[in-house]
Amino acid sequence: MSDMRVVIAGAAGHMGRVLVRLVQETAGLKLSGAIEPEGHVAIGEDAGLLAGAGRALVHVTSDMDAALASGDVVIDFTIPRVSVDIAGLA
């Protein structure tokens, strides 16, 4: 069985970084996407390194469509307005 591909929305925030670390450390899960809004300082950064979990080879992006398409599940740690958008796209 293949790993579940997880996308974290709000990946560069405090809780988002915790979630990235937990995904990196959990057998059966694979980080496949990391989302932050356009213009965020973390755009382009490796989400694993940003979270202190080692290189993930997943870069923080504002391209929500592409990030969501890369995963099986999304964990949303953003704000209510963005959560509505994510739910609609998911």
PDB file of N, CA and C in Angstrom:
ATOM      1  N   MET A   1       0.845  -1.177   0.000  1.00  0.00           N
ATOM      2  CA  MET A   1       0.000   0.000   0.000  1.00  0.00           C
ATOM      3  C   MET A   1       0.890   1.240   0.000  1.00  0.00           C
ATOM      4  N   SER A   2       0.501   2.256  -0.784  1.00  0.00           N
ATOM      5  CA  SER A   2       1.306   3.464  -0.865  1.00  0.00           C
ATOM      6  C   SER A   2       0.959   4.434   0.266  1.00  0.00           C
ATOM      7  N   ASP A   3       1.881   5.348   0.508  1.00  0.00           N
ATOM      8  CA  ASP A   3       1.680   6.348   1.554  1.00  0.00           C
ATOM      9  C   ASP A   3       0.539   7.292   1.187  1.00  0.00           C
ATOM     10  N   MET A   4      -0.177   7.787   2.194  1.00  0.00           N
ATOM     11  CA  MET A   4      -1.197   8.811   1.983  1.00  0.00           C
ATOM     12  C   MET A   4      -0.476  10.140   1.771  1.00  0.00           C
ATOM     13  N   ARG A   5      -0.815  10.822   0.682  1.00  0.00           N
ATOM     14  CA  ARG A   5      -0.190  12.100   0.336  1.00  0.00           C
ATOM     15  C   ARG A   5      -0.955  13.235   1.008  1.00  0.00           C
ATOM     16  N   VAL A   6      -0.235  14.018   1.827  1.00  0.00           N
ATOM     17  CA  VAL A   6      -0.856  15.043   2.663  1.00  0.00           C
ATOM     18  C   VAL A   6      -0.423  16.435   2.215  1.00  0.00           C
ATOM     19  N   VAL A   7      -1.400  17.319   2.070  1.00  0.00           N
ATOM     20  CA  VAL A   7      -1.163  18.735   1.778  1.00  0.00           C
ATOM     21  C   VAL A   7      -1.487  19.520   3.047  1.00  0.00           C
ATOM     22  N   ILE A   8      -0.603  20.440   3.419  1.00  0.00           N
ATOM     23  CA  ILE A   8      -0.830  21.290   4.586  1.00  0.00           C
ATOM     24  C   ILE A   8      -1.083  22.716   4.091  1.00  0.00           C
ATOM     25  N   ALA A   9      -2.252  23.249   4.381  1.00  0.00           N
ATOM     26  CA  ALA A   9      -2.567  24.647   4.094  1.00  0.00           C
ATOM     27  C   ALA A   9      -2.266  25.457   5.346  1.00  0.00           C
ATOM     28  N   GLY A  10      -1.446  26.478   5.184  1.00  0.00           N
ATOM     29  CA  GLY A  10      -0.965  27.223   6.339  1.00  0.00           C
ATOM     30  C   GLY A  10       0.322  26.606   6.864  1.00  0.00           C
ATOM     31  N   ALA A  11       1.085  26.009   5.965  1.00  0.00           N
ATOM     32  CA  ALA A  11       2.261  25.202   6.326  1.00  0.00           C
ATOM     33  C   ALA A  11       3.393  25.970   6.999  1.00  0.00           C
ATOM     34  N   ALA A  12       3.470  27.275   6.798  1.00  0.00           N
ATOM     35  CA  ALA A  12       4.584  28.035   7.368  1.00  0.00           C
ATOM     36  C   ALA A  12       4.252  28.663   8.710  1.00  0.00           C
ATOM     37  N   GLY A  13       3.003  28.562   9.135  1.00  0.00           N
ATOM     38  CA  GLY A  13       2.631  29.083  10.447  1.00  0.00           C
ATOM     39  C   GLY A  13       3.090  28.142  11.553  1.00  0.00           C
ATOM     40  N   HIS A  14       2.910  28.565  12.786  1.00  0.00           N
ATOM     41  CA  HIS A  14       3.374  27.744  13.914  1.00  0.00           C
ATOM     42  C   HIS A  14       2.770  26.343  13.876  1.00  0.00           C
ATOM     43  N   MET A  15       1.451  26.247  13.816  1.00  0.00           N
ATOM     44  CA  MET A  15       0.816  24.927  13.800  1.00  0.00           C
ATOM     45  C   MET A  15       1.067  24.196  12.486  1.00  0.00           C
ATOM     46  N   GLY A  16       1.139  24.918  11.383  1.00  0.00           N
ATOM     47  CA  GLY A  16       1.454  24.293  10.107  1.00  0.00           C
ATOM     48  C   GLY A  16       2.802  23.602  10.134  1.00  0.00           C
ATOM     49  N   ARG A  17       3.782  24.238  10.748  1.00  0.00           N
ATOM     50  CA  ARG A  17       5.120  23.636  10.858  1.00  0.00           C
ATOM     51  C   ARG A  17       5.080  22.382  11.722  1.00  0.00           C
ATOM     52  N   VAL A  18       4.295  22.431  12.786  1.00  0.00           N
ATOM     53  CA  VAL A  18       4.132  21.235  13.632  1.00  0.00           C
ATOM     54  C   VAL A  18       3.532  20.105  12.802  1.00  0.00           C
ATOM     55  N   LEU A  19       2.507  20.418  12.017  1.00  0.00           N
ATOM     56  CA  LEU A  19       1.874  19.396  11.173  1.00  0.00           C
ATOM     57  C   LEU A  19       2.838  18.841  10.140  1.00  0.00           C
ATOM     58  N   VAL A  20       3.641  19.700   9.540  1.00  0.00           N
ATOM     59  CA  VAL A  20       4.646  19.228   8.571  1.00  0.00           C
ATOM     60  C   VAL A  20       5.589  18.250   9.253  1.00  0.00           C
ATOM     61  N   ARG A  21       6.073  18.598  10.443  1.00  0.00           N
ATOM     62  CA  ARG A  21       6.971  17.690  11.183  1.00  0.00           C
ATOM     63  C   ARG A  21       6.292  16.362  11.465  1.00  0.00           C
ATOM     64  N   LEU A  22       5.038  16.411  11.925  1.00  0.00           N
ATOM     65  CA  LEU A  22       4.326  15.172  12.246  1.00  0.00           C
ATOM     66  C   LEU A  22       4.129  14.298  11.011  1.00  0.00           C
ATOM     67  N   VAL A  23       3.794  14.901   9.892  1.00  0.00           N
ATOM     68  CA  VAL A  23       3.648  14.136   8.651  1.00  0.00           C
ATOM     69  C   VAL A  23       4.978  13.507   8.272  1.00  0.00           C
ATOM     70  N   GLN A  24       6.055  14.274   8.375  1.00  0.00           N
ATOM     71  CA  GLN A  24       7.391  13.764   8.033  1.00  0.00           C
ATOM     72  C   GLN A  24       7.788  12.577   8.921  1.00  0.00           C
ATOM     73  N   GLU A  25       7.343  12.600  10.168  1.00  0.00           N
ATOM     74  CA  GLU A  25       7.735  11.582  11.140  1.00  0.00           C
ATOM     75  C   GLU A  25       6.802  10.374  11.182  1.00  0.00           C
ATOM     76  N   THR A  26       5.670  10.429  10.493  1.00  0.00           N
ATOM     77  CA  THR A  26       4.663   9.380  10.612  1.00  0.00           C
ATOM     78  C   THR A  26       4.705   8.415   9.440  1.00  0.00           C
ATOM     79  N   ALA A  27       4.933   7.152   9.762  1.00  0.00           N
ATOM     80  CA  ALA A  27       4.944   6.119   8.722  1.00  0.00           C
ATOM     81  C   ALA A  27       3.578   6.073   8.050  1.00  0.00           C
ATOM     82  N   GLY A  28       3.591   5.921   6.740  1.00  0.00           N
ATOM     83  CA  GLY A  28       2.354   5.839   5.987  1.00  0.00           C
ATOM     84  C   GLY A  28       1.860   7.176   5.461  1.00  0.00           C
ATOM     85  N   LEU A  29       2.519   8.266   5.875  1.00  0.00           N
ATOM     86  CA  LEU A  29       2.167   9.595   5.383  1.00  0.00           C
ATOM     87  C   LEU A  29       3.333  10.187   4.610  1.00  0.00           C
ATOM     88  N   LYS A  30       3.021  10.976   3.592  1.00  0.00           N
ATOM     89  CA  LYS A  30       4.047  11.654   2.805  1.00  0.00           C
ATOM     90  C   LYS A  30       3.562  13.064   2.521  1.00  0.00           C
ATOM     91  N   LEU A  31       4.379  14.057   2.859  1.00  0.00           N
ATOM     92  CA  LEU A  31       4.043  15.439   2.560  1.00  0.00           C
ATOM     93  C   LEU A  31       4.098  15.638   1.053  1.00  0.00           C
ATOM     94  N   SER A  32       2.994  16.118   0.479  1.00  0.00           N
ATOM     95  CA  SER A  32       2.973  16.316  -0.975  1.00  0.00           C
ATOM     96  C   SER A  32       2.701  17.760  -1.363  1.00  0.00           C
ATOM     97  N   GLY A  33       2.278  18.593  -0.414  1.00  0.00           N
ATOM     98  CA  GLY A  33       2.010  19.985  -0.720  1.00  0.00           C
ATOM     99  C   GLY A  33       2.036  20.842   0.522  1.00  0.00           C
ATOM    100  N   ALA A  34       2.426  22.108   0.328  1.00  0.00           N
ATOM    101  CA  ALA A  34       2.494  23.070   1.422  1.00  0.00           C
ATOM    102  C   ALA A  34       2.034  24.415   0.864  1.00  0.00           C
ATOM    103  N   ILE A  35       0.984  24.965   1.433  1.00  0.00           N
ATOM    104  CA  ILE A  35       0.354  26.161   0.875  1.00  0.00           C
ATOM    105  C   ILE A  35       0.449  27.346   1.830  1.00  0.00           C
ATOM    106  N   GLU A  36       0.749  28.498   1.258  1.00  0.00           N
ATOM    107  CA  GLU A  36       0.671  29.800   1.929  1.00  0.00           C
ATOM    108  C   GLU A  36       0.170  30.806   0.898  1.00  0.00           C
ATOM    109  N   PRO A  37      -0.356  31.954   1.335  1.00  0.00           N
ATOM    110  CA  PRO A  37      -0.884  32.917   0.375  1.00  0.00           C
ATOM    111  C   PRO A  37       0.218  33.565  -0.463  1.00  0.00           C
ATOM    112  N   GLU A  38      -0.182  34.029  -1.645  1.00  0.00           N
ATOM    113  CA  GLU A  38       0.745  34.717  -2.543  1.00  0.00           C
ATOM    114  C   GLU A  38       1.430  35.856  -1.798  1.00  0.00           C
ATOM    115  N   GLY A  39       2.739  35.978  -2.000  1.00  0.00           N
ATOM    116  CA  GLY A  39       3.514  37.032  -1.361  1.00  0.00           C
ATOM    117  C   GLY A  39       4.085  36.660  -0.002  1.00  0.00           C
ATOM    118  N   HIS A  40       3.716  35.511   0.532  1.00  0.00           N
ATOM    119  CA  HIS A  40       4.223  35.074   1.841  1.00  0.00           C
ATOM    120  C   HIS A  40       5.735  34.868   1.743  1.00  0.00           C
ATOM    121  N   VAL A  41       6.459  35.221   2.788  1.00  0.00           N
ATOM    122  CA  VAL A  41       7.923  35.133   2.763  1.00  0.00           C
ATOM    123  C   VAL A  41       8.436  33.703   2.617  1.00  0.00           C
ATOM    124  N   ALA A  42       7.618  32.714   2.944  1.00  0.00           N
ATOM    125  CA  ALA A  42       8.069  31.314   2.880  1.00  0.00           C
ATOM    126  C   ALA A  42       7.893  30.687   1.495  1.00  0.00           C
ATOM    127  N   ILE A  43       7.255  31.387   0.567  1.00  0.00           N
ATOM    128  CA  ILE A  43       7.050  30.825  -0.771  1.00  0.00           C
ATOM    129  C   ILE A  43       8.407  30.420  -1.360  1.00  0.00           C
ATOM    130  N   GLY A  44       8.462  29.194  -1.859  1.00  0.00           N
ATOM    131  CA  GLY A  44       9.693  28.674  -2.461  1.00  0.00           C
ATOM    132  C   GLY A  44      10.594  27.927  -1.497  1.00  0.00           C
ATOM    133  N   GLU A  45      10.346  28.073  -0.208  1.00  0.00           N
ATOM    134  CA  GLU A  45      11.164  27.383   0.802  1.00  0.00           C
ATOM    135  C   GLU A  45      10.754  25.914   0.881  1.00  0.00           C
ATOM    136  N   ASP A  46      11.701  25.046   1.227  1.00  0.00           N
ATOM    137  CA  ASP A  46      11.397  23.642   1.462  1.00  0.00           C
ATOM    138  C   ASP A  46      10.609  23.549   2.768  1.00  0.00           C
ATOM    139  N   ALA A  47       9.405  22.993   2.709  1.00  0.00           N
ATOM    140  CA  ALA A  47       8.521  22.948   3.881  1.00  0.00           C
ATOM    141  C   ALA A  47       9.125  22.144   5.025  1.00  0.00           C
ATOM    142  N   GLY A  48       9.827  21.076   4.716  1.00  0.00           N
ATOM    143  CA  GLY A  48      10.445  20.267   5.762  1.00  0.00           C
ATOM    144  C   GLY A  48      11.536  21.016   6.490  1.00  0.00           C
ATOM    145  N   LEU A  49      12.394  21.700   5.742  1.00  0.00           N
ATOM    146  CA  LEU A  49      13.459  22.481   6.373  1.00  0.00           C
ATOM    147  C   LEU A  49      12.877  23.615   7.194  1.00  0.00           C
ATOM    148  N   LEU A  50      11.859  24.270   6.669  1.00  0.00           N
ATOM    149  CA  LEU A  50      11.195  25.358   7.372  1.00  0.00           C
ATOM    150  C   LEU A  50      10.636  24.874   8.712  1.00  0.00           C
ATOM    151  N   ALA A  51      10.165  23.637   8.737  1.00  0.00           N
ATOM    152  CA  ALA A  51       9.573  23.065   9.949  1.00  0.00           C
ATOM    153  C   ALA A  51      10.601  22.427  10.871  1.00  0.00           C
ATOM    154  N   GLY A  52      11.858  22.380  10.435  1.00  0.00           N
ATOM    155  CA  GLY A  52      12.887  21.744  11.251  1.00  0.00           C
ATOM    156  C   GLY A  52      12.830  20.231  11.203  1.00  0.00           C
ATOM    157  N   ALA A  53      12.253  19.695  10.122  1.00  0.00           N
ATOM    158  CA  ALA A  53      12.063  18.248  10.003  1.00  0.00           C
ATOM    159  C   ALA A  53      12.944  17.615   8.931  1.00  0.00           C
ATOM    160  N   GLY A  54      13.878  18.362   8.403  1.00  0.00           N
ATOM    161  CA  GLY A  54      14.722  17.844   7.326  1.00  0.00           C
ATOM    162  C   GLY A  54      14.079  18.093   5.975  1.00  0.00           C
ATOM    163  N   ARG A  55      14.876  17.974   4.945  1.00  0.00           N
ATOM    164  CA  ARG A  55      14.422  18.267   3.583  1.00  0.00           C
ATOM    165  C   ARG A  55      13.241  17.383   3.196  1.00  0.00           C
ATOM    166  N   ALA A  56      12.169  18.016   2.705  1.00  0.00           N
ATOM    167  CA  ALA A  56      10.971  17.293   2.287  1.00  0.00           C
ATOM    168  C   ALA A  56      10.843  17.233   0.765  1.00  0.00           C
ATOM    169  N   LEU A  57      11.604  18.089   0.083  1.00  0.00           N
ATOM    170  CA  LEU A  57      11.494  18.225  -1.372  1.00  0.00           C
ATOM    171  C   LEU A  57      10.100  18.666  -1.788  1.00  0.00           C
ATOM    172  N   VAL A  58       9.436  19.385  -0.903  1.00  0.00           N
ATOM    173  CA  VAL A  58       8.132  19.993  -1.157  1.00  0.00           C
ATOM    174  C   VAL A  58       8.290  21.472  -0.825  1.00  0.00           C
ATOM    175  N   HIS A  59       8.080  22.309  -1.817  1.00  0.00           N
ATOM    176  CA  HIS A  59       8.257  23.742  -1.616  1.00  0.00           C
ATOM    177  C   HIS A  59       6.919  24.417  -1.327  1.00  0.00           C
ATOM    178  N   VAL A  60       6.968  25.383  -0.429  1.00  0.00           N
ATOM    179  CA  VAL A  60       5.783  26.158  -0.098  1.00  0.00           C
ATOM    180  C   VAL A  60       5.359  26.926  -1.345  1.00  0.00           C
ATOM    181  N   THR A  61       4.061  26.853  -1.644  1.00  0.00           N
ATOM    182  CA  THR A  61       3.524  27.476  -2.847  1.00  0.00           C
ATOM    183  C   THR A  61       2.226  28.211  -2.539  1.00  0.00           C
ATOM    184  N   SER A  62       1.889  29.149  -3.404  1.00  0.00           N
ATOM    185  CA  SER A  62       0.578  29.800  -3.310  1.00  0.00           C
ATOM    186  C   SER A  62      -0.381  29.231  -4.354  1.00  0.00           C
ATOM    187  N   ASP A  63       0.095  28.271  -5.151  1.00  0.00           N
ATOM    188  CA  ASP A  63      -0.739  27.648  -6.187  1.00  0.00           C
ATOM    189  C   ASP A  63      -1.598  26.559  -5.546  1.00  0.00           C
ATOM    190  N   MET A  64      -2.745  26.982  -5.032  1.00  0.00           N
ATOM    191  CA  MET A  64      -3.611  26.073  -4.292  1.00  0.00           C
ATOM    192  C   MET A  64      -4.092  24.905  -5.156  1.00  0.00           C
ATOM    193  N   ASP A  65      -4.452  25.182  -6.399  1.00  0.00           N
ATOM    194  CA  ASP A  65      -4.939  24.120  -7.288  1.00  0.00           C
ATOM    195  C   ASP A  65      -3.903  23.016  -7.454  1.00  0.00           C
ATOM    196  N   ALA A  66      -2.672  23.398  -7.771  1.00  0.00           N
ATOM    197  CA  ALA A  66      -1.612  22.407  -7.992  1.00  0.00           C
ATOM    198  C   ALA A  66      -1.302  21.639  -6.708  1.00  0.00           C
ATOM    199  N   ALA A  67      -1.234  22.362  -5.591  1.00  0.00           N
ATOM    200  CA  ALA A  67      -0.923  21.698  -4.322  1.00  0.00           C
ATOM    201  C   ALA A  67      -2.011  20.689  -3.958  1.00  0.00           C
ATOM    202  N   LEU A  68      -3.265  21.091  -4.085  1.00  0.00           N
ATOM    203  CA  LEU A  68      -4.354  20.187  -3.736  1.00  0.00           C
ATOM    204  C   LEU A  68      -4.407  18.979  -4.669  1.00  0.00           C
ATOM    205  N   ALA A  69      -4.060  19.188  -5.928  1.00  0.00           N
ATOM    206  CA  ALA A  69      -4.055  18.081  -6.889  1.00  0.00           C
ATOM    207  C   ALA A  69      -2.981  17.051  -6.568  1.00  0.00           C
ATOM    208  N   SER A  70      -1.960  17.455  -5.800  1.00  0.00           N
ATOM    209  CA  SER A  70      -0.851  16.546  -5.492  1.00  0.00           C
ATOM    210  C   SER A  70      -1.149  15.627  -4.311  1.00  0.00           C
ATOM    211  N   GLY A  71      -2.262  15.854  -3.616  1.00  0.00           N
ATOM    212  CA  GLY A  71      -2.504  15.107  -2.386  1.00  0.00           C
ATOM    213  C   GLY A  71      -3.765  14.279  -2.384  1.00  0.00           C
ATOM    214  N   ASP A  72      -3.831  13.424  -1.378  1.00  0.00           N
ATOM    215  CA  ASP A  72      -5.030  12.622  -1.115  1.00  0.00           C
ATOM    216  C   ASP A  72      -5.904  13.289  -0.062  1.00  0.00           C
ATOM    217  N   VAL A  73      -5.284  14.109   0.782  1.00  0.00           N
ATOM    218  CA  VAL A  73      -5.983  14.754   1.898  1.00  0.00           C
ATOM    219  C   VAL A  73      -5.328  16.117   2.135  1.00  0.00           C
ATOM    220  N   VAL A  74      -6.134  17.065   2.593  1.00  0.00           N
ATOM    221  CA  VAL A  74      -5.607  18.372   2.962  1.00  0.00           C
ATOM    222  C   VAL A  74      -5.929  18.631   4.427  1.00  0.00           C
ATOM    223  N   ILE A  75      -4.942  19.143   5.134  1.00  0.00           N
ATOM    224  CA  ILE A  75      -5.140  19.591   6.508  1.00  0.00           C
ATOM    225  C   ILE A  75      -5.048  21.110   6.454  1.00  0.00           C
ATOM    226  N   ASP A  76      -6.122  21.762   6.837  1.00  0.00           N
ATOM    227  CA  ASP A  76      -6.231  23.202   6.701  1.00  0.00           C
ATOM    228  C   ASP A  76      -6.030  23.882   8.047  1.00  0.00           C
ATOM    229  N   PHE A  77      -4.970  24.672   8.151  1.00  0.00           N
ATOM    230  CA  PHE A  77      -4.714  25.463   9.348  1.00  0.00           C
ATOM    231  C   PHE A  77      -4.555  26.910   8.921  1.00  0.00           C
ATOM    232  N   THR A  78      -5.605  27.417   8.258  1.00  0.00           N
ATOM    233  CA  THR A  78      -5.578  28.791   7.786  1.00  0.00           C
ATOM    234  C   THR A  78      -6.628  29.604   8.547  1.00  0.00           C
ATOM    235  N   ILE A  79      -7.316  30.470   7.840  1.00  0.00           N
ATOM    236  CA  ILE A  79      -8.368  31.294   8.441  1.00  0.00           C
ATOM    237  C   ILE A  79      -9.705  30.927   7.788  1.00  0.00           C
ATOM    238  N   PRO A  80     -10.833  31.233   8.434  1.00  0.00           N
ATOM    239  CA  PRO A  80     -12.130  30.791   7.915  1.00  0.00           C
ATOM    240  C   PRO A  80     -12.386  31.138   6.446  1.00  0.00           C
ATOM    241  N   ARG A  81     -12.063  32.342   6.015  1.00  0.00           N
ATOM    242  CA  ARG A  81     -12.308  32.744   4.628  1.00  0.00           C
ATOM    243  C   ARG A  81     -11.557  31.844   3.658  1.00  0.00           C
ATOM    244  N   VAL A  82     -10.323  31.518   3.986  1.00  0.00           N
ATOM    245  CA  VAL A  82      -9.509  30.655   3.130  1.00  0.00           C
ATOM    246  C   VAL A  82     -10.000  29.212   3.216  1.00  0.00           C
ATOM    247  N   SER A  83     -10.432  28.784   4.376  1.00  0.00           N
ATOM    248  CA  SER A  83     -10.945  27.435   4.550  1.00  0.00           C
ATOM    249  C   SER A  83     -12.120  27.164   3.616  1.00  0.00           C
ATOM    250  N   VAL A  84     -12.965  28.163   3.424  1.00  0.00           N
ATOM    251  CA  VAL A  84     -14.103  28.018   2.513  1.00  0.00           C
ATOM    252  C   VAL A  84     -13.607  27.796   1.087  1.00  0.00           C
ATOM    253  N   ASP A  85     -12.598  28.558   0.668  1.00  0.00           N
ATOM    254  CA  ASP A  85     -12.021  28.390  -0.670  1.00  0.00           C
ATOM    255  C   ASP A  85     -11.407  26.998  -0.833  1.00  0.00           C
ATOM    256  N   ILE A  86     -10.678  26.563   0.170  1.00  0.00           N
ATOM    257  CA  ILE A  86     -10.018  25.259   0.116  1.00  0.00           C
ATOM    258  C   ILE A  86     -11.064  24.143   0.034  1.00  0.00           C
ATOM    259  N   ALA A  87     -12.105  24.243   0.833  1.00  0.00           N
ATOM    260  CA  ALA A  87     -13.154  23.238   0.820  1.00  0.00           C
ATOM    261  C   ALA A  87     -13.813  23.146  -0.553  1.00  0.00           C
ATOM    262  N   GLY A  88     -14.024  24.289  -1.181  1.00  0.00           N
ATOM    263  CA  GLY A  88     -14.608  24.304  -2.509  1.00  0.00           C
ATOM    264  C   GLY A  88     -13.717  23.650  -3.554  1.00  0.00           C
ATOM    265  N   LEU A  89     -12.417  23.867  -3.432  1.00  0.00           N
ATOM    266  CA  LEU A  89     -11.466  23.280  -4.383  1.00  0.00           C
ATOM    267  C   LEU A  89     -11.234  21.795  -4.116  1.00  0.00           C
ATOM    268  N   ALA A  90     -11.248  21.418  -2.843  1.00  0.00           N
ATOM    269  CA  ALA A  90     -10.984  20.033  -2.480  1.00  0.00           C
ATOM    270  C   ALA A  90     -12.128  19.160  -2.958  1.00  0.00           C
TER     271      ALA A  90
END
